[in-house]
Amino acid sequence: MGGGLELEPKWIQRLQGIAADDPERKRKAFRIFLESVLERELGSAFQSDIQFGQVIEQVLQQIESDPELNQNSLQAGEILLRQAT
């Protein structure tokens, strides 16, 4: 992927695993991206913490509460999905 951030194969596989007819497809793709960034920044040990999913969801909800950020996150999700194919 361009822009200096390369997703590891495990993240690409997760993106590819999102069903094409899933109405939450773009949101899920962006969530996977958030997980990958936080894992990279905080380390993989944090990902196994039970609260990791809650942190991701809270960040995602904050983004979605702002119409412009939400639109940008969905566009990013679309780009991620295209590049994962």
PDB file of N, CA and C in Angstrom:
ATOM      1  N   MET A   1       0.837  -1.179   0.000  1.00  0.00           N
ATOM      2  CA  MET A   1       0.000   0.000   0.000  1.00  0.00           C
ATOM      3  C   MET A   1       0.876   1.233   0.000  1.00  0.00           C
ATOM      4  N   GLY A   2       0.434   2.265  -0.638  1.00  0.00           N
ATOM      5  CA  GLY A   2       1.210   3.486  -0.709  1.00  0.00           C
ATOM      6  C   GLY A   2       1.170   4.256   0.589  1.00  0.00           C
ATOM      7  N   GLY A   3       1.930   5.338   0.635  1.00  0.00           N
ATOM      8  CA  GLY A   3       1.912   6.197   1.796  1.00  0.00           C
ATOM      9  C   GLY A   3       2.794   5.730   2.930  1.00  0.00           C
ATOM     10  N   GLY A   4       3.612   4.714   2.705  1.00  0.00           N
ATOM     11  CA  GLY A   4       4.571   4.306   3.713  1.00  0.00           C
ATOM     12  C   GLY A   4       4.059   3.303   4.729  1.00  0.00           C
ATOM     13  N   LEU A   5       2.796   2.942   4.687  1.00  0.00           N
ATOM     14  CA  LEU A   5       2.269   1.972   5.640  1.00  0.00           C
ATOM     15  C   LEU A   5       1.935   0.691   4.896  1.00  0.00           C
ATOM     16  N   GLU A   6       2.703  -0.337   5.180  1.00  0.00           N
ATOM     17  CA  GLU A   6       2.463  -1.635   4.558  1.00  0.00           C
ATOM     18  C   GLU A   6       1.773  -2.533   5.573  1.00  0.00           C
ATOM     19  N   LEU A   7       0.661  -3.107   5.176  1.00  0.00           N
ATOM     20  CA  LEU A   7      -0.036  -4.034   6.052  1.00  0.00           C
ATOM     21  C   LEU A   7       0.595  -5.413   5.948  1.00  0.00           C
ATOM     22  N   GLU A   8       0.704  -6.064   7.079  1.00  0.00           N
ATOM     23  CA  GLU A   8       1.232  -7.419   7.113  1.00  0.00           C
ATOM     24  C   GLU A   8       0.216  -8.365   6.473  1.00  0.00           C
ATOM     25  N   PRO A   9       0.698  -9.510   6.013  1.00  0.00           N
ATOM     26  CA  PRO A   9      -0.218 -10.475   5.374  1.00  0.00           C
ATOM     27  C   PRO A   9      -1.428 -10.844   6.229  1.00  0.00           C
ATOM     28  N   LYS A  10      -1.267 -10.925   7.551  1.00  0.00           N
ATOM     29  CA  LYS A  10      -2.414 -11.298   8.393  1.00  0.00           C
ATOM     30  C   LYS A  10      -3.528 -10.262   8.302  1.00  0.00           C
ATOM     31  N   TRP A  11      -3.160  -8.990   8.147  1.00  0.00           N
ATOM     32  CA  TRP A  11      -4.176  -7.940   8.033  1.00  0.00           C
ATOM     33  C   TRP A  11      -4.824  -7.984   6.653  1.00  0.00           C
ATOM     34  N   ILE A  12      -4.024  -8.244   5.639  1.00  0.00           N
ATOM     35  CA  ILE A  12      -4.565  -8.356   4.285  1.00  0.00           C
ATOM     36  C   ILE A  12      -5.543  -9.527   4.211  1.00  0.00           C
ATOM     37  N   GLN A  13      -5.194 -10.630   4.847  1.00  0.00           N
ATOM     38  CA  GLN A  13      -6.095 -11.789   4.865  1.00  0.00           C
ATOM     39  C   GLN A  13      -7.413 -11.450   5.546  1.00  0.00           C
ATOM     40  N   ARG A  14      -7.339 -10.697   6.616  1.00  0.00           N
ATOM     41  CA  ARG A  14      -8.579 -10.301   7.301  1.00  0.00           C
ATOM     42  C   ARG A  14      -9.425  -9.399   6.410  1.00  0.00           C
ATOM     43  N   LEU A  15      -8.784  -8.486   5.694  1.00  0.00           N
ATOM     44  CA  LEU A  15      -9.526  -7.625   4.767  1.00  0.00           C
ATOM     45  C   LEU A  15     -10.194  -8.470   3.688  1.00  0.00           C
ATOM     46  N   GLN A  16      -9.465  -9.430   3.168  1.00  0.00           N
ATOM     47  CA  GLN A  16     -10.003 -10.293   2.122  1.00  0.00           C
ATOM     48  C   GLN A  16     -11.132 -11.176   2.642  1.00  0.00           C
ATOM     49  N   GLY A  17     -11.179 -11.381   3.942  1.00  0.00           N
ATOM     50  CA  GLY A  17     -12.206 -12.222   4.541  1.00  0.00           C
ATOM     51  C   GLY A  17     -13.541 -11.529   4.760  1.00  0.00           C
ATOM     52  N   ILE A  18     -13.596 -10.234   4.512  1.00  0.00           N
ATOM     53  CA  ILE A  18     -14.865  -9.510   4.669  1.00  0.00           C
ATOM     54  C   ILE A  18     -15.736  -9.810   3.451  1.00  0.00           C
ATOM     55  N   ALA A  19     -16.930 -10.286   3.698  1.00  0.00           N
ATOM     56  CA  ALA A  19     -17.842 -10.661   2.609  1.00  0.00           C
ATOM     57  C   ALA A  19     -18.159  -9.462   1.717  1.00  0.00           C
ATOM     58  N   ALA A  20     -18.184  -9.704   0.425  1.00  0.00           N
ATOM     59  CA  ALA A  20     -18.450  -8.643  -0.551  1.00  0.00           C
ATOM     60  C   ALA A  20     -19.828  -8.016  -0.364  1.00  0.00           C
ATOM     61  N   ASP A  21     -20.770  -8.771   0.170  1.00  0.00           N
ATOM     62  CA  ASP A  21     -22.125  -8.245   0.342  1.00  0.00           C
ATOM     63  C   ASP A  21     -22.394  -7.738   1.761  1.00  0.00           C
ATOM     64  N   ASP A  22     -21.355  -7.638   2.570  1.00  0.00           N
ATOM     65  CA  ASP A  22     -21.501  -7.155   3.945  1.00  0.00           C
ATOM     66  C   ASP A  22     -21.754  -5.647   3.932  1.00  0.00           C
ATOM     67  N   PRO A  23     -22.887  -5.186   4.461  1.00  0.00           N
ATOM     68  CA  PRO A  23     -23.175  -3.749   4.451  1.00  0.00           C
ATOM     69  C   PRO A  23     -22.212  -2.935   5.320  1.00  0.00           C
ATOM     70  N   GLU A  24     -21.512  -3.595   6.223  1.00  0.00           N
ATOM     71  CA  GLU A  24     -20.541  -2.927   7.102  1.00  0.00           C
ATOM     72  C   GLU A  24     -19.113  -3.089   6.588  1.00  0.00           C
ATOM     73  N   ARG A  25     -18.981  -3.477   5.349  1.00  0.00           N
ATOM     74  CA  ARG A  25     -17.690  -3.822   4.748  1.00  0.00           C
ATOM     75  C   ARG A  25     -16.630  -2.731   4.916  1.00  0.00           C
ATOM     76  N   LYS A  26     -16.950  -1.504   4.571  1.00  0.00           N
ATOM     77  CA  LYS A  26     -15.974  -0.411   4.653  1.00  0.00           C
ATOM     78  C   LYS A  26     -15.611  -0.111   6.103  1.00  0.00           C
ATOM     79  N   ARG A  27     -16.608  -0.156   6.979  1.00  0.00           N
ATOM     80  CA  ARG A  27     -16.356   0.091   8.401  1.00  0.00           C
ATOM     81  C   ARG A  27     -15.430  -0.984   8.966  1.00  0.00           C
ATOM     82  N   LYS A  28     -15.707  -2.226   8.630  1.00  0.00           N
ATOM     83  CA  LYS A  28     -14.880  -3.331   9.119  1.00  0.00           C
ATOM     84  C   LYS A  28     -13.450  -3.214   8.596  1.00  0.00           C
ATOM     85  N   ALA A  29     -13.314  -2.803   7.349  1.00  0.00           N
ATOM     86  CA  ALA A  29     -11.972  -2.635   6.778  1.00  0.00           C
ATOM     87  C   ALA A  29     -11.205  -1.555   7.531  1.00  0.00           C
ATOM     88  N   PHE A  30     -11.869  -0.457   7.833  1.00  0.00           N
ATOM     89  CA  PHE A  30     -11.189   0.613   8.562  1.00  0.00           C
ATOM     90  C   PHE A  30     -10.859   0.167   9.980  1.00  0.00           C
ATOM     91  N   ARG A  31     -11.727  -0.616  10.578  1.00  0.00           N
ATOM     92  CA  ARG A  31     -11.452  -1.143  11.921  1.00  0.00           C
ATOM     93  C   ARG A  31     -10.195  -2.024  11.902  1.00  0.00           C
ATOM     94  N   ILE A  32     -10.073  -2.848  10.889  1.00  0.00           N
ATOM     95  CA  ILE A  32      -8.880  -3.690  10.752  1.00  0.00           C
ATOM     96  C   ILE A  32      -7.640  -2.816  10.631  1.00  0.00           C
ATOM     97  N   PHE A  33      -7.756  -1.739   9.865  1.00  0.00           N
ATOM     98  CA  PHE A  33      -6.642  -0.802   9.738  1.00  0.00           C
ATOM     99  C   PHE A  33      -6.281  -0.203  11.101  1.00  0.00           C
ATOM    100  N   LEU A  34      -7.289   0.225  11.861  1.00  0.00           N
ATOM    101  CA  LEU A  34      -7.029   0.774  13.199  1.00  0.00           C
ATOM    102  C   LEU A  34      -6.315  -0.244  14.081  1.00  0.00           C
ATOM    103  N   GLU A  35      -6.772  -1.474  14.033  1.00  0.00           N
ATOM    104  CA  GLU A  35      -6.130  -2.528  14.817  1.00  0.00           C
ATOM    105  C   GLU A  35      -4.665  -2.672  14.432  1.00  0.00           C
ATOM    106  N   SER A  36      -4.391  -2.631  13.135  1.00  0.00           N
ATOM    107  CA  SER A  36      -3.009  -2.808  12.678  1.00  0.00           C
ATOM    108  C   SER A  36      -2.122  -1.656  13.147  1.00  0.00           C
ATOM    109  N   VAL A  37      -2.658  -0.445  13.111  1.00  0.00           N
ATOM    110  CA  VAL A  37      -1.880   0.721  13.549  1.00  0.00           C
ATOM    111  C   VAL A  37      -1.614   0.651  15.052  1.00  0.00           C
ATOM    112  N   LEU A  38      -2.645   0.343  15.825  1.00  0.00           N
ATOM    113  CA  LEU A  38      -2.456   0.272  17.275  1.00  0.00           C
ATOM    114  C   LEU A  38      -1.527  -0.875  17.666  1.00  0.00           C
ATOM    115  N   GLU A  39      -1.622  -1.985  16.962  1.00  0.00           N
ATOM    116  CA  GLU A  39      -0.697  -3.085  17.253  1.00  0.00           C
ATOM    117  C   GLU A  39       0.735  -2.659  16.959  1.00  0.00           C
ATOM    118  N   ARG A  40       0.908  -1.968  15.852  1.00  0.00           N
ATOM    119  CA  ARG A  40       2.248  -1.505  15.478  1.00  0.00           C
ATOM    120  C   ARG A  40       2.795  -0.528  16.522  1.00  0.00           C
ATOM    121  N   GLU A  41       1.939   0.352  17.016  1.00  0.00           N
ATOM    122  CA  GLU A  41       2.372   1.371  17.970  1.00  0.00           C
ATOM    123  C   GLU A  41       2.519   0.834  19.390  1.00  0.00           C
ATOM    124  N   LEU A  42       1.621  -0.055  19.788  1.00  0.00           N
ATOM    125  CA  LEU A  42       1.584  -0.514  21.180  1.00  0.00           C
ATOM    126  C   LEU A  42       2.176  -1.905  21.384  1.00  0.00           C
ATOM    127  N   GLY A  43       2.373  -2.619  20.308  1.00  0.00           N
ATOM    128  CA  GLY A  43       2.909  -3.969  20.410  1.00  0.00           C
ATOM    129  C   GLY A  43       1.810  -5.011  20.369  1.00  0.00           C
ATOM    130  N   SER A  44       2.165  -6.187  19.924  1.00  0.00           N
ATOM    131  CA  SER A  44       1.172  -7.249  19.756  1.00  0.00           C
ATOM    132  C   SER A  44       0.649  -7.777  21.087  1.00  0.00           C
ATOM    133  N   ALA A  45       1.387  -7.575  22.173  1.00  0.00           N
ATOM    134  CA  ALA A  45       0.917  -8.049  23.478  1.00  0.00           C
ATOM    135  C   ALA A  45      -0.374  -7.336  23.876  1.00  0.00           C
ATOM    136  N   PHE A  46      -0.484  -6.071  23.523  1.00  0.00           N
ATOM    137  CA  PHE A  46      -1.690  -5.316  23.862  1.00  0.00           C
ATOM    138  C   PHE A  46      -2.902  -5.860  23.125  1.00  0.00           C
ATOM    139  N   GLN A  47      -2.692  -6.369  21.914  1.00  0.00           N
ATOM    140  CA  GLN A  47      -3.811  -6.872  21.125  1.00  0.00           C
ATOM    141  C   GLN A  47      -4.496  -8.048  21.810  1.00  0.00           C
ATOM    142  N   SER A  48      -3.757  -8.835  22.560  1.00  0.00           N
ATOM    143  CA  SER A  48      -4.359  -9.980  23.236  1.00  0.00           C
ATOM    144  C   SER A  48      -5.121  -9.570  24.498  1.00  0.00           C
ATOM    145  N   ASP A  49      -4.959  -8.329  24.921  1.00  0.00           N
ATOM    146  CA  ASP A  49      -5.699  -7.817  26.074  1.00  0.00           C
ATOM    147  C   ASP A  49      -7.183  -7.768  25.725  1.00  0.00           C
ATOM    148  N   ILE A  50      -8.004  -8.192  26.643  1.00  0.00           N
ATOM    149  CA  ILE A  50      -9.449  -8.250  26.398  1.00  0.00           C
ATOM    150  C   ILE A  50     -10.041  -6.875  26.095  1.00  0.00           C
ATOM    151  N   GLN A  51      -9.401  -5.818  26.563  1.00  0.00           N
ATOM    152  CA  GLN A  51      -9.920  -4.474  26.342  1.00  0.00           C
ATOM    153  C   GLN A  51      -9.503  -3.888  24.992  1.00  0.00           C
ATOM    154  N   PHE A  52      -8.648  -4.568  24.268  1.00  0.00           N
ATOM    155  CA  PHE A  52      -8.187  -4.055  22.979  1.00  0.00           C
ATOM    156  C   PHE A  52      -9.364  -3.788  22.042  1.00  0.00           C
ATOM    157  N   GLY A  53     -10.270  -4.739  21.950  1.00  0.00           N
ATOM    158  CA  GLY A  53     -11.443  -4.573  21.090  1.00  0.00           C
ATOM    159  C   GLY A  53     -12.313  -3.406  21.520  1.00  0.00           C
ATOM    160  N   GLN A  54     -12.407  -3.201  22.825  1.00  0.00           N
ATOM    161  CA  GLN A  54     -13.198  -2.081  23.340  1.00  0.00           C
ATOM    162  C   GLN A  54     -12.549  -0.746  22.986  1.00  0.00           C
ATOM    163  N   VAL A  55     -11.233  -0.688  23.077  1.00  0.00           N
ATOM    164  CA  VAL A  55     -10.513   0.537  22.720  1.00  0.00           C
ATOM    165  C   VAL A  55     -10.724   0.845  21.242  1.00  0.00           C
ATOM    166  N   ILE A  56     -10.588  -0.168  20.402  1.00  0.00           N
ATOM    167  CA  ILE A  56     -10.795   0.012  18.963  1.00  0.00           C
ATOM    168  C   ILE A  56     -12.207   0.527  18.700  1.00  0.00           C
ATOM    169  N   GLU A  57     -13.184  -0.079  19.337  1.00  0.00           N
ATOM    170  CA  GLU A  57     -14.580   0.320  19.122  1.00  0.00           C
ATOM    171  C   GLU A  57     -14.816   1.756  19.586  1.00  0.00           C
ATOM    172  N   GLN A  58     -14.227   2.150  20.696  1.00  0.00           N
ATOM    173  CA  GLN A  58     -14.386   3.524  21.185  1.00  0.00           C
ATOM    174  C   GLN A  58     -13.765   4.531  20.218  1.00  0.00           C
ATOM    175  N   VAL A  59     -12.586   4.212  19.713  1.00  0.00           N
ATOM    176  CA  VAL A  59     -11.937   5.099  18.743  1.00  0.00           C
ATOM    177  C   VAL A  59     -12.797   5.200  17.486  1.00  0.00           C
ATOM    178  N   LEU A  60     -13.287   4.075  17.026  1.00  0.00           N
ATOM    179  CA  LEU A  60     -14.121   4.056  15.826  1.00  0.00           C
ATOM    180  C   LEU A  60     -15.407   4.858  16.031  1.00  0.00           C
ATOM    181  N   GLN A  61     -16.016   4.738  17.185  1.00  0.00           N
ATOM    182  CA  GLN A  61     -17.235   5.499  17.468  1.00  0.00           C
ATOM    183  C   GLN A  61     -16.959   7.000  17.505  1.00  0.00           C
ATOM    184  N   GLN A  62     -15.810   7.383  18.039  1.00  0.00           N
ATOM    185  CA  GLN A  62     -15.436   8.803  18.045  1.00  0.00           C
ATOM    186  C   GLN A  62     -15.288   9.315  16.615  1.00  0.00           C
ATOM    187  N   ILE A  63     -14.641   8.533  15.783  1.00  0.00           N
ATOM    188  CA  ILE A  63     -14.468   8.920  14.377  1.00  0.00           C
ATOM    189  C   ILE A  63     -15.830   9.036  13.699  1.00  0.00           C
ATOM    190  N   GLU A  64     -16.697   8.072  13.955  1.00  0.00           N
ATOM    191  CA  GLU A  64     -18.018   8.061  13.318  1.00  0.00           C
ATOM    192  C   GLU A  64     -18.925   9.185  13.810  1.00  0.00           C
ATOM    193  N   SER A  65     -18.626   9.737  14.960  1.00  0.00           N
ATOM    194  CA  SER A  65     -19.463  10.822  15.485  1.00  0.00           C
ATOM    195  C   SER A  65     -19.221  12.145  14.755  1.00  0.00           C
ATOM    196  N   ASP A  66     -18.141  12.217  14.006  1.00  0.00           N
ATOM    197  CA  ASP A  66     -17.840  13.408  13.210  1.00  0.00           C
ATOM    198  C   ASP A  66     -18.120  13.073  11.744  1.00  0.00           C
ATOM    199  N   PRO A  67     -19.091  13.746  11.126  1.00  0.00           N
ATOM    200  CA  PRO A  67     -19.475  13.389   9.753  1.00  0.00           C
ATOM    201  C   PRO A  67     -18.309  13.378   8.760  1.00  0.00           C
ATOM    202  N   GLU A  68     -17.423  14.348   8.854  1.00  0.00           N
ATOM    203  CA  GLU A  68     -16.304  14.403   7.910  1.00  0.00           C
ATOM    204  C   GLU A  68     -15.313  13.266   8.154  1.00  0.00           C
ATOM    205  N   LEU A  69     -14.988  13.034   9.421  1.00  0.00           N
ATOM    206  CA  LEU A  69     -14.081  11.925   9.738  1.00  0.00           C
ATOM    207  C   LEU A  69     -14.704  10.584   9.356  1.00  0.00           C
ATOM    208  N   ASN A  70     -15.997  10.455   9.600  1.00  0.00           N
ATOM    209  CA  ASN A  70     -16.678   9.215   9.239  1.00  0.00           C
ATOM    210  C   ASN A  70     -16.592   8.975   7.737  1.00  0.00           C
ATOM    211  N   GLN A  71     -16.871  10.002   6.955  1.00  0.00           N
ATOM    212  CA  GLN A  71     -16.792   9.866   5.495  1.00  0.00           C
ATOM    213  C   GLN A  71     -15.375   9.483   5.068  1.00  0.00           C
ATOM    214  N   ASN A  72     -14.388  10.122   5.674  1.00  0.00           N
ATOM    215  CA  ASN A  72     -12.992   9.816   5.337  1.00  0.00           C
ATOM    216  C   ASN A  72     -12.626   8.384   5.727  1.00  0.00           C
ATOM    217  N   SER A  73     -13.132   7.923   6.864  1.00  0.00           N
ATOM    218  CA  SER A  73     -12.818   6.556   7.290  1.00  0.00           C
ATOM    219  C   SER A  73     -13.441   5.535   6.338  1.00  0.00           C
ATOM    220  N   LEU A  74     -14.645   5.826   5.849  1.00  0.00           N
ATOM    221  CA  LEU A  74     -15.283   4.917   4.894  1.00  0.00           C
ATOM    222  C   LEU A  74     -14.543   4.912   3.561  1.00  0.00           C
ATOM    223  N   GLN A  75     -14.058   6.075   3.153  1.00  0.00           N
ATOM    224  CA  GLN A  75     -13.255   6.134   1.927  1.00  0.00           C
ATOM    225  C   GLN A  75     -11.958   5.348   2.103  1.00  0.00           C
ATOM    226  N   ALA A  76     -11.348   5.480   3.272  1.00  0.00           N
ATOM    227  CA  ALA A  76     -10.124   4.720   3.553  1.00  0.00           C
ATOM    228  C   ALA A  76     -10.422   3.221   3.531  1.00  0.00           C
ATOM    229  N   GLY A  77     -11.550   2.836   4.113  1.00  0.00           N
ATOM    230  CA  GLY A  77     -11.948   1.428   4.093  1.00  0.00           C
ATOM    231  C   GLY A  77     -12.107   0.907   2.684  1.00  0.00           C
ATOM    232  N   GLU A  78     -12.696   1.724   1.828  1.00  0.00           N
ATOM    233  CA  GLU A  78     -12.878   1.333   0.427  1.00  0.00           C
ATOM    234  C   GLU A  78     -11.528   1.138  -0.264  1.00  0.00           C
ATOM    235  N   ILE A  79     -10.606   2.037  -0.014  1.00  0.00           N
ATOM    236  CA  ILE A  79      -9.264   1.935  -0.603  1.00  0.00           C
ATOM    237  C   ILE A  79      -8.560   0.680  -0.098  1.00  0.00           C
ATOM    238  N   LEU A  80      -8.651   0.431   1.195  1.00  0.00           N
ATOM    239  CA  LEU A  80      -8.030  -0.764   1.771  1.00  0.00           C
ATOM    240  C   LEU A  80      -8.573  -2.031   1.123  1.00  0.00           C
ATOM    241  N   LEU A  81      -9.878  -2.080   0.952  1.00  0.00           N
ATOM    242  CA  LEU A  81     -10.499  -3.259   0.345  1.00  0.00           C
ATOM    243  C   LEU A  81     -10.037  -3.453  -1.095  1.00  0.00           C
ATOM    244  N   ARG A  82      -9.944  -2.361  -1.829  1.00  0.00           N
ATOM    245  CA  ARG A  82      -9.485  -2.457  -3.221  1.00  0.00           C
ATOM    246  C   ARG A  82      -8.049  -2.962  -3.288  1.00  0.00           C
ATOM    247  N   GLN A  83      -7.214  -2.445  -2.405  1.00  0.00           N
ATOM    248  CA  GLN A  83      -5.803  -2.807  -2.451  1.00  0.00           C
ATOM    249  C   GLN A  83      -5.531  -4.198  -1.899  1.00  0.00           C
ATOM    250  N   ALA A  84      -6.464  -4.740  -1.145  1.00  0.00           N
ATOM    251  CA  ALA A  84      -6.275  -6.074  -0.569  1.00  0.00           C
ATOM    252  C   ALA A  84      -6.658  -7.180  -1.544  1.00  0.00           C
ATOM    253  N   THR A  85      -7.245  -6.807  -2.676  1.00  0.00           N
ATOM    254  CA  THR A  85      -7.671  -7.836  -3.633  1.00  0.00           C
ATOM    255  C   THR A  85      -6.550  -8.216  -4.568  1.00  0.00           C
TER     256      THR A  85
END
